[in-house]
Amino acid sequence: MSGTRSPSMTAPATDLPRLGRLAALLYPFCAAAVAINLFMLGLMGQWLGLPALAPLWAVAVSVPLGVPAAWAAARWVRGLIAEAER
């Protein structure tokens, strides 16, 4: 293997642009998963007596929350790829 390794040992330090591209590719899926989880959390909240969350509200909140979720998913996938290459 060539390239400089980062201290985390999960992704090479030179792979930051590739990680960003992978995160951008995964963003729609992560944002959709966040929206579904928020909506389901709202449905469970009704059991506790809380008001229901509108699906549009869950989608609107998932847009910014999808960014860290996509970044975490990209780091996880990149770690799996690095492990498979060893």
PDB file of N, CA and C in Angstrom:
ATOM      1  N   MET A   1       0.834  -1.179   0.000  1.00  0.00           N
ATOM      2  CA  MET A   1       0.000   0.000   0.000  1.00  0.00           C
ATOM      3  C   MET A   1       0.875   1.237   0.000  1.00  0.00           C
ATOM      4  N   SER A   2       0.503   2.183  -0.797  1.00  0.00           N
ATOM      5  CA  SER A   2       1.253   3.428  -0.810  1.00  0.00           C
ATOM      6  C   SER A   2       0.376   4.545  -0.285  1.00  0.00           C
ATOM      7  N   GLY A   3       0.974   5.651   0.094  1.00  0.00           N
ATOM      8  CA  GLY A   3       0.222   6.797   0.607  1.00  0.00           C
ATOM      9  C   GLY A   3       0.494   6.988   2.082  1.00  0.00           C
ATOM     10  N   THR A   4       0.190   8.165   2.537  1.00  0.00           N
ATOM     11  CA  THR A   4       0.394   8.507   3.940  1.00  0.00           C
ATOM     12  C   THR A   4      -0.830   8.105   4.736  1.00  0.00           C
ATOM     13  N   ARG A   5      -0.611   7.443   5.843  1.00  0.00           N
ATOM     14  CA  ARG A   5      -1.725   6.999   6.671  1.00  0.00           C
ATOM     15  C   ARG A   5      -2.051   8.070   7.701  1.00  0.00           C
ATOM     16  N   SER A   6      -3.323   8.217   7.999  1.00  0.00           N
ATOM     17  CA  SER A   6      -3.735   9.146   9.042  1.00  0.00           C
ATOM     18  C   SER A   6      -3.565   8.482  10.398  1.00  0.00           C
ATOM     19  N   PRO A   7      -3.561   9.270  11.484  1.00  0.00           N
ATOM     20  CA  PRO A   7      -3.408   8.667  12.806  1.00  0.00           C
ATOM     21  C   PRO A   7      -4.557   7.732  13.162  1.00  0.00           C
ATOM     22  N   SER A   8      -5.732   7.910  12.552  1.00  0.00           N
ATOM     23  CA  SER A   8      -6.867   7.065  12.915  1.00  0.00           C
ATOM     24  C   SER A   8      -6.745   5.665  12.349  1.00  0.00           C
ATOM     25  N   MET A   9      -5.886   5.472  11.355  1.00  0.00           N
ATOM     26  CA  MET A   9      -5.638   4.181  10.715  1.00  0.00           C
ATOM     27  C   MET A   9      -6.875   3.619  10.017  1.00  0.00           C
ATOM     28  N   THR A  10      -7.929   4.426   9.828  1.00  0.00           N
ATOM     29  CA  THR A  10      -9.106   3.929   9.124  1.00  0.00           C
ATOM     30  C   THR A  10      -9.151   4.409   7.685  1.00  0.00           C
ATOM     31  N   ALA A  11      -8.536   5.539   7.395  1.00  0.00           N
ATOM     32  CA  ALA A  11      -8.524   6.047   6.028  1.00  0.00           C
ATOM     33  C   ALA A  11      -7.225   6.800   5.798  1.00  0.00           C
ATOM     34  N   PRO A  12      -6.662   6.658   4.622  1.00  0.00           N
ATOM     35  CA  PRO A  12      -5.461   7.432   4.341  1.00  0.00           C
ATOM     36  C   PRO A  12      -5.745   8.924   4.412  1.00  0.00           C
ATOM     37  N   ALA A  13      -4.748   9.690   4.832  1.00  0.00           N
ATOM     38  CA  ALA A  13      -4.930  11.130   4.965  1.00  0.00           C
ATOM     39  C   ALA A  13      -5.203  11.782   3.624  1.00  0.00           C
ATOM     40  N   THR A  14      -4.737  11.186   2.529  1.00  0.00           N
ATOM     41  CA  THR A  14      -4.940  11.762   1.206  1.00  0.00           C
ATOM     42  C   THR A  14      -6.308  11.438   0.642  1.00  0.00           C
ATOM     43  N   ASP A  15      -7.140  10.684   1.343  1.00  0.00           N
ATOM     44  CA  ASP A  15      -8.449  10.269   0.846  1.00  0.00           C
ATOM     45  C   ASP A  15      -9.585  11.169   1.287  1.00  0.00           C
ATOM     46  N   LEU A  16      -9.303  12.366   1.816  1.00  0.00           N
ATOM     47  CA  LEU A  16     -10.369  13.251   2.257  1.00  0.00           C
ATOM     48  C   LEU A  16     -11.309  13.638   1.123  1.00  0.00           C
ATOM     49  N   PRO A  17     -10.825  13.989  -0.087  1.00  0.00           N
ATOM     50  CA  PRO A  17     -11.771  14.270  -1.171  1.00  0.00           C
ATOM     51  C   PRO A  17     -12.609  13.053  -1.556  1.00  0.00           C
ATOM     52  N   ARG A  18     -12.005  11.878  -1.522  1.00  0.00           N
ATOM     53  CA  ARG A  18     -12.766  10.661  -1.842  1.00  0.00           C
ATOM     54  C   ARG A  18     -13.822  10.395  -0.783  1.00  0.00           C
ATOM     55  N   LEU A  19     -13.494  10.697   0.482  1.00  0.00           N
ATOM     56  CA  LEU A  19     -14.467  10.525   1.559  1.00  0.00           C
ATOM     57  C   LEU A  19     -15.630  11.487   1.385  1.00  0.00           C
ATOM     58  N   GLY A  20     -15.338  12.703   0.964  1.00  0.00           N
ATOM     59  CA  GLY A  20     -16.394  13.682   0.711  1.00  0.00           C
ATOM     60  C   GLY A  20     -17.288  13.264  -0.431  1.00  0.00           C
ATOM     61  N   ARG A  21     -16.703  12.704  -1.480  1.00  0.00           N
ATOM     62  CA  ARG A  21     -17.525  12.218  -2.604  1.00  0.00           C
ATOM     63  C   ARG A  21     -18.400  11.053  -2.180  1.00  0.00           C
ATOM     64  N   LEU A  22     -17.840  10.166  -1.369  1.00  0.00           N
ATOM     65  CA  LEU A  22     -18.625   9.040  -0.872  1.00  0.00           C
ATOM     66  C   LEU A  22     -19.759   9.529   0.026  1.00  0.00           C
ATOM     67  N   ALA A  23     -19.482  10.524   0.867  1.00  0.00           N
ATOM     68  CA  ALA A  23     -20.521  11.097   1.723  1.00  0.00           C
ATOM     69  C   ALA A  23     -21.608  11.754   0.891  1.00  0.00           C
ATOM     70  N   ALA A  24     -21.228  12.440  -0.178  1.00  0.00           N
ATOM     71  CA  ALA A  24     -22.219  13.061  -1.059  1.00  0.00           C
ATOM     72  C   ALA A  24     -23.068  12.012  -1.757  1.00  0.00           C
ATOM     73  N   LEU A  25     -22.467  10.894  -2.097  1.00  0.00           N
ATOM     74  CA  LEU A  25     -23.207   9.805  -2.726  1.00  0.00           C
ATOM     75  C   LEU A  25     -24.192   9.169  -1.747  1.00  0.00           C
ATOM     76  N   LEU A  26     -23.794   9.053  -0.494  1.00  0.00           N
ATOM     77  CA  LEU A  26     -24.640   8.417   0.516  1.00  0.00           C
ATOM     78  C   LEU A  26     -25.659   9.369   1.136  1.00  0.00           C
ATOM     79  N   TYR A  27     -25.507  10.691   0.919  1.00  0.00           N
ATOM     80  CA  TYR A  27     -26.370  11.672   1.575  1.00  0.00           C
ATOM     81  C   TYR A  27     -27.869  11.425   1.361  1.00  0.00           C
ATOM     82  N   PRO A  28     -28.356  11.193   0.132  1.00  0.00           N
ATOM     83  CA  PRO A  28     -29.808  10.991  -0.014  1.00  0.00           C
ATOM     84  C   PRO A  28     -30.342   9.811   0.803  1.00  0.00           C
ATOM     85  N   PHE A  29     -29.566   8.762   0.870  1.00  0.00           N
ATOM     86  CA  PHE A  29     -29.998   7.585   1.618  1.00  0.00           C
ATOM     87  C   PHE A  29     -29.980   7.850   3.127  1.00  0.00           C
ATOM     88  N   CYS A  30     -28.954   8.544   3.578  1.00  0.00           N
ATOM     89  CA  CYS A  30     -28.857   8.870   5.010  1.00  0.00           C
ATOM     90  C   CYS A  30     -29.940   9.854   5.427  1.00  0.00           C
ATOM     91  N   ALA A  31     -30.179  10.874   4.606  1.00  0.00           N
ATOM     92  CA  ALA A  31     -31.225  11.846   4.928  1.00  0.00           C
ATOM     93  C   ALA A  31     -32.593  11.170   4.951  1.00  0.00           C
ATOM     94  N   ALA A  32     -32.839  10.259   4.038  1.00  0.00           N
ATOM     95  CA  ALA A  32     -34.111   9.528   4.034  1.00  0.00           C
ATOM     96  C   ALA A  32     -34.241   8.653   5.280  1.00  0.00           C
ATOM     97  N   ALA A  33     -33.154   8.015   5.677  1.00  0.00           N
ATOM     98  CA  ALA A  33     -33.190   7.184   6.886  1.00  0.00           C
ATOM     99  C   ALA A  33     -33.444   8.032   8.123  1.00  0.00           C
ATOM    100  N   VAL A  34     -32.836   9.222   8.183  1.00  0.00           N
ATOM    101  CA  VAL A  34     -33.060  10.119   9.316  1.00  0.00           C
ATOM    102  C   VAL A  34     -34.522  10.564   9.340  1.00  0.00           C
ATOM    103  N   ALA A  35     -35.085  10.881   8.169  1.00  0.00           N
ATOM    104  CA  ALA A  35     -36.486  11.312   8.097  1.00  0.00           C
ATOM    105  C   ALA A  35     -37.426  10.202   8.576  1.00  0.00           C
ATOM    106  N   ILE A  36     -37.175   8.994   8.143  1.00  0.00           N
ATOM    107  CA  ILE A  36     -38.024   7.869   8.558  1.00  0.00           C
ATOM    108  C   ILE A  36     -37.912   7.651  10.055  1.00  0.00           C
ATOM    109  N   ASN A  37     -36.687   7.714  10.592  1.00  0.00           N
ATOM    110  CA  ASN A  37     -36.501   7.513  12.028  1.00  0.00           C
ATOM    111  C   ASN A  37     -37.157   8.618  12.848  1.00  0.00           C
ATOM    112  N   LEU A  38     -37.079   9.870  12.373  1.00  0.00           N
ATOM    113  CA  LEU A  38     -37.736  10.960  13.086  1.00  0.00           C
ATOM    114  C   LEU A  38     -39.249  10.790  13.072  1.00  0.00           C
ATOM    115  N   PHE A  39     -39.798  10.403  11.931  1.00  0.00           N
ATOM    116  CA  PHE A  39     -41.248  10.204  11.838  1.00  0.00           C
ATOM    117  C   PHE A  39     -41.693   9.079  12.764  1.00  0.00           C
ATOM    118  N   MET A  40     -40.941   7.980  12.779  1.00  0.00           N
ATOM    119  CA  MET A  40     -41.282   6.863  13.673  1.00  0.00           C
ATOM    120  C   MET A  40     -41.131   7.261  15.139  1.00  0.00           C
ATOM    121  N   LEU A  41     -40.138   8.086  15.445  1.00  0.00           N
ATOM    122  CA  LEU A  41     -39.985   8.594  16.797  1.00  0.00           C
ATOM    123  C   LEU A  41     -41.188   9.443  17.182  1.00  0.00           C
ATOM    124  N   GLY A  42     -41.707  10.216  16.231  1.00  0.00           N
ATOM    125  CA  GLY A  42     -42.917  10.997  16.472  1.00  0.00           C
ATOM    126  C   GLY A  42     -44.127  10.111  16.727  1.00  0.00           C
ATOM    127  N   LEU A  43     -44.201   9.000  16.012  1.00  0.00           N
ATOM    128  CA  LEU A  43     -45.310   8.072  16.253  1.00  0.00           C
ATOM    129  C   LEU A  43     -45.198   7.433  17.641  1.00  0.00           C
ATOM    130  N   MET A  44     -43.987   7.120  18.048  1.00  0.00           N
ATOM    131  CA  MET A  44     -43.808   6.567  19.396  1.00  0.00           C
ATOM    132  C   MET A  44     -44.072   7.628  20.452  1.00  0.00           C
ATOM    133  N   GLY A  45     -43.809   8.883  20.124  1.00  0.00           N
ATOM    134  CA  GLY A  45     -44.090   9.974  21.049  1.00  0.00           C
ATOM    135  C   GLY A  45     -45.573  10.130  21.334  1.00  0.00           C
ATOM    136  N   GLN A  46     -46.417   9.759  20.387  1.00  0.00           N
ATOM    137  CA  GLN A  46     -47.864   9.803  20.613  1.00  0.00           C
ATOM    138  C   GLN A  46     -48.266   8.857  21.735  1.00  0.00           C
ATOM    139  N   TRP A  47     -47.559   7.769  21.859  1.00  0.00           N
ATOM    140  CA  TRP A  47     -47.848   6.817  22.921  1.00  0.00           C
ATOM    141  C   TRP A  47     -47.600   7.440  24.295  1.00  0.00           C
ATOM    142  N   LEU A  48     -46.656   8.409  24.321  1.00  0.00           N
ATOM    143  CA  LEU A  48     -46.353   9.104  25.569  1.00  0.00           C
ATOM    144  C   LEU A  48     -47.212  10.350  25.759  1.00  0.00           C
ATOM    145  N   GLY A  49     -48.097  10.616  24.813  1.00  0.00           N
ATOM    146  CA  GLY A  49     -48.968  11.776  24.933  1.00  0.00           C
ATOM    147  C   GLY A  49     -48.451  13.017  24.242  1.00  0.00           C
ATOM    148  N   LEU A  50     -47.365  12.913  23.495  1.00  0.00           N
ATOM    149  CA  LEU A  50     -46.821  14.051  22.761  1.00  0.00           C
ATOM    150  C   LEU A  50     -47.589  14.244  21.452  1.00  0.00           C
ATOM    151  N   PRO A  51     -47.584  15.445  20.904  1.00  0.00           N
ATOM    152  CA  PRO A  51     -48.265  15.638  19.619  1.00  0.00           C
ATOM    153  C   PRO A  51     -47.528  14.922  18.494  1.00  0.00           C
ATOM    154  N   ALA A  52     -48.269  14.576  17.454  1.00  0.00           N
ATOM    155  CA  ALA A  52     -47.685  13.864  16.315  1.00  0.00           C
ATOM    156  C   ALA A  52     -46.780  14.798  15.514  1.00  0.00           C
ATOM    157  N   LEU A  53     -45.744  14.233  14.912  1.00  0.00           N
ATOM    158  CA  LEU A  53     -44.863  14.991  14.032  1.00  0.00           C
ATOM    159  C   LEU A  53     -45.362  14.845  12.597  1.00  0.00           C
ATOM    160  N   ALA A  54     -45.464  15.950  11.905  1.00  0.00           N
ATOM    161  CA  ALA A  54     -45.882  15.906  10.513  1.00  0.00           C
ATOM    162  C   ALA A  54     -44.757  15.319   9.661  1.00  0.00           C
ATOM    163  N   PRO A  55     -45.096  14.541   8.637  1.00  0.00           N
ATOM    164  CA  PRO A  55     -44.046  13.977   7.780  1.00  0.00           C
ATOM    165  C   PRO A  55     -43.184  15.064   7.122  1.00  0.00           C
ATOM    166  N   LEU A  56     -43.794  16.193   6.748  1.00  0.00           N
ATOM    167  CA  LEU A  56     -43.031  17.274   6.138  1.00  0.00           C
ATOM    168  C   LEU A  56     -42.021  17.863   7.124  1.00  0.00           C
ATOM    169  N   TRP A  57     -42.401  17.937   8.398  1.00  0.00           N
ATOM    170  CA  TRP A  57     -41.479  18.428   9.420  1.00  0.00           C
ATOM    171  C   TRP A  57     -40.295  17.469   9.579  1.00  0.00           C
ATOM    172  N   ALA A  58     -40.585  16.174   9.551  1.00  0.00           N
ATOM    173  CA  ALA A  58     -39.511  15.183   9.681  1.00  0.00           C
ATOM    174  C   ALA A  58     -38.541  15.278   8.503  1.00  0.00           C
ATOM    175  N   VAL A  59     -39.073  15.507   7.306  1.00  0.00           N
ATOM    176  CA  VAL A  59     -38.206  15.642   6.129  1.00  0.00           C
ATOM    177  C   VAL A  59     -37.379  16.922   6.228  1.00  0.00           C
ATOM    178  N   ALA A  60     -38.007  18.015   6.675  1.00  0.00           N
ATOM    179  CA  ALA A  60     -37.289  19.289   6.782  1.00  0.00           C
ATOM    180  C   ALA A  60     -36.151  19.208   7.800  1.00  0.00           C
ATOM    181  N   VAL A  61     -36.369  18.528   8.892  1.00  0.00           N
ATOM    182  CA  VAL A  61     -35.327  18.395   9.912  1.00  0.00           C
ATOM    183  C   VAL A  61     -34.233  17.423   9.451  1.00  0.00           C
ATOM    184  N   SER A  62     -34.602  16.460   8.613  1.00  0.00           N
ATOM    185  CA  SER A  62     -33.617  15.474   8.167  1.00  0.00           C
ATOM    186  C   SER A  62     -32.625  16.050   7.165  1.00  0.00           C
ATOM    187  N   VAL A  63     -32.947  17.168   6.523  1.00  0.00           N
ATOM    188  CA  VAL A  63     -32.016  17.756   5.545  1.00  0.00           C
ATOM    189  C   VAL A  63     -30.695  18.145   6.216  1.00  0.00           C
ATOM    190  N   PRO A  64     -30.702  18.939   7.302  1.00  0.00           N
ATOM    191  CA  PRO A  64     -29.401  19.238   7.931  1.00  0.00           C
ATOM    192  C   PRO A  64     -28.834  18.066   8.731  1.00  0.00           C
ATOM    193  N   LEU A  65     -29.697  17.232   9.308  1.00  0.00           N
ATOM    194  CA  LEU A  65     -29.199  16.106  10.100  1.00  0.00           C
ATOM    195  C   LEU A  65     -28.645  14.981   9.223  1.00  0.00           C
ATOM    196  N   GLY A  66     -28.958  15.010   7.939  1.00  0.00           N
ATOM    197  CA  GLY A  66     -28.425  14.005   7.031  1.00  0.00           C
ATOM    198  C   GLY A  66     -26.946  14.187   6.749  1.00  0.00           C
ATOM    199  N   VAL A  67     -26.432  15.407   6.923  1.00  0.00           N
ATOM    200  CA  VAL A  67     -25.012  15.679   6.642  1.00  0.00           C
ATOM    201  C   VAL A  67     -24.094  14.906   7.595  1.00  0.00           C
ATOM    202  N   PRO A  68     -24.252  15.039   8.928  1.00  0.00           N
ATOM    203  CA  PRO A  68     -23.363  14.245   9.793  1.00  0.00           C
ATOM    204  C   PRO A  68     -23.616  12.742   9.679  1.00  0.00           C
ATOM    205  N   ALA A  69     -24.858  12.365   9.386  1.00  0.00           N
ATOM    206  CA  ALA A  69     -25.145  10.941   9.210  1.00  0.00           C
ATOM    207  C   ALA A  69     -24.437  10.406   7.969  1.00  0.00           C
ATOM    208  N   ALA A  70     -24.424  11.176   6.885  1.00  0.00           N
ATOM    209  CA  ALA A  70     -23.736  10.747   5.664  1.00  0.00           C
ATOM    210  C   ALA A  70     -22.229  10.700   5.878  1.00  0.00           C
ATOM    211  N   TRP A  71     -21.690  11.669   6.613  1.00  0.00           N
ATOM    212  CA  TRP A  71     -20.253  11.679   6.883  1.00  0.00           C
ATOM    213  C   TRP A  71     -19.853  10.444   7.716  1.00  0.00           C
ATOM    214  N   ALA A  72     -20.670  10.128   8.724  1.00  0.00           N
ATOM    215  CA  ALA A  72     -20.385   8.951   9.549  1.00  0.00           C
ATOM    216  C   ALA A  72     -20.507   7.669   8.729  1.00  0.00           C
ATOM    217  N   ALA A  73     -21.495   7.602   7.871  1.00  0.00           N
ATOM    218  CA  ALA A  73     -21.657   6.415   7.025  1.00  0.00           C
ATOM    219  C   ALA A  73     -20.494   6.282   6.056  1.00  0.00           C
ATOM    220  N   ALA A  74     -20.021   7.397   5.513  1.00  0.00           N
ATOM    221  CA  ALA A  74     -18.892   7.349   4.583  1.00  0.00           C
ATOM    222  C   ALA A  74     -17.624   6.888   5.296  1.00  0.00           C
ATOM    223  N   ARG A  75     -17.404   7.377   6.521  1.00  0.00           N
ATOM    224  CA  ARG A  75     -16.229   6.921   7.285  1.00  0.00           C
ATOM    225  C   ARG A  75     -16.327   5.431   7.584  1.00  0.00           C
ATOM    226  N   TRP A  76     -17.528   4.959   7.895  1.00  0.00           N
ATOM    227  CA  TRP A  76     -17.733   3.540   8.198  1.00  0.00           C
ATOM    228  C   TRP A  76     -17.459   2.686   6.954  1.00  0.00           C
ATOM    229  N   VAL A  77     -18.016   3.105   5.811  1.00  0.00           N
ATOM    230  CA  VAL A  77     -17.805   2.355   4.571  1.00  0.00           C
ATOM    231  C   VAL A  77     -16.333   2.394   4.174  1.00  0.00           C
ATOM    232  N   ARG A  78     -15.692   3.550   4.335  1.00  0.00           N
ATOM    233  CA  ARG A  78     -14.270   3.656   4.000  1.00  0.00           C
ATOM    234  C   ARG A  78     -13.434   2.738   4.896  1.00  0.00           C
ATOM    235  N   GLY A  79     -13.819   2.621   6.164  1.00  0.00           N
ATOM    236  CA  GLY A  79     -13.126   1.696   7.057  1.00  0.00           C
ATOM    237  C   GLY A  79     -13.305   0.250   6.640  1.00  0.00           C
ATOM    238  N   LEU A  80     -14.501  -0.082   6.186  1.00  0.00           N
ATOM    239  CA  LEU A  80     -14.745  -1.444   5.702  1.00  0.00           C
ATOM    240  C   LEU A  80     -13.922  -1.741   4.449  1.00  0.00           C
ATOM    241  N   ILE A  81     -13.828  -0.746   3.566  1.00  0.00           N
ATOM    242  CA  ILE A  81     -13.021  -0.924   2.364  1.00  0.00           C
ATOM    243  C   ILE A  81     -11.557  -1.102   2.731  1.00  0.00           C
ATOM    244  N   ALA A  82     -11.054  -0.294   3.652  1.00  0.00           N
ATOM    245  CA  ALA A  82      -9.656  -0.406   4.070  1.00  0.00           C
ATOM    246  C   ALA A  82      -9.394  -1.757   4.733  1.00  0.00           C
ATOM    247  N   GLU A  83     -10.341  -2.241   5.500  1.00  0.00           N
ATOM    248  CA  GLU A  83     -10.182  -3.552   6.138  1.00  0.00           C
ATOM    249  C   GLU A  83     -10.189  -4.663   5.100  1.00  0.00           C
ATOM    250  N   ALA A  84     -11.015  -4.528   4.084  1.00  0.00           N
ATOM    251  CA  ALA A  84     -11.078  -5.551   3.050  1.00  0.00           C
ATOM    252  C   ALA A  84      -9.805  -5.565   2.184  1.00  0.00           C
ATOM    253  N   GLU A  85      -9.165  -4.408   2.052  1.00  0.00           N
ATOM    254  CA  GLU A  85      -7.940  -4.339   1.264  1.00  0.00           C
ATOM    255  C   GLU A  85      -6.733  -4.906   1.978  1.00  0.00           C
ATOM    256  N   ARG A  86      -6.803  -5.062   3.287  1.00  0.00           N
ATOM    257  CA  ARG A  86      -5.661  -5.616   4.036  1.00  0.00           C
ATOM    258  C   ARG A  86      -5.558  -7.093   3.891  1.00  0.00           C
TER     259      ARG A  86
END
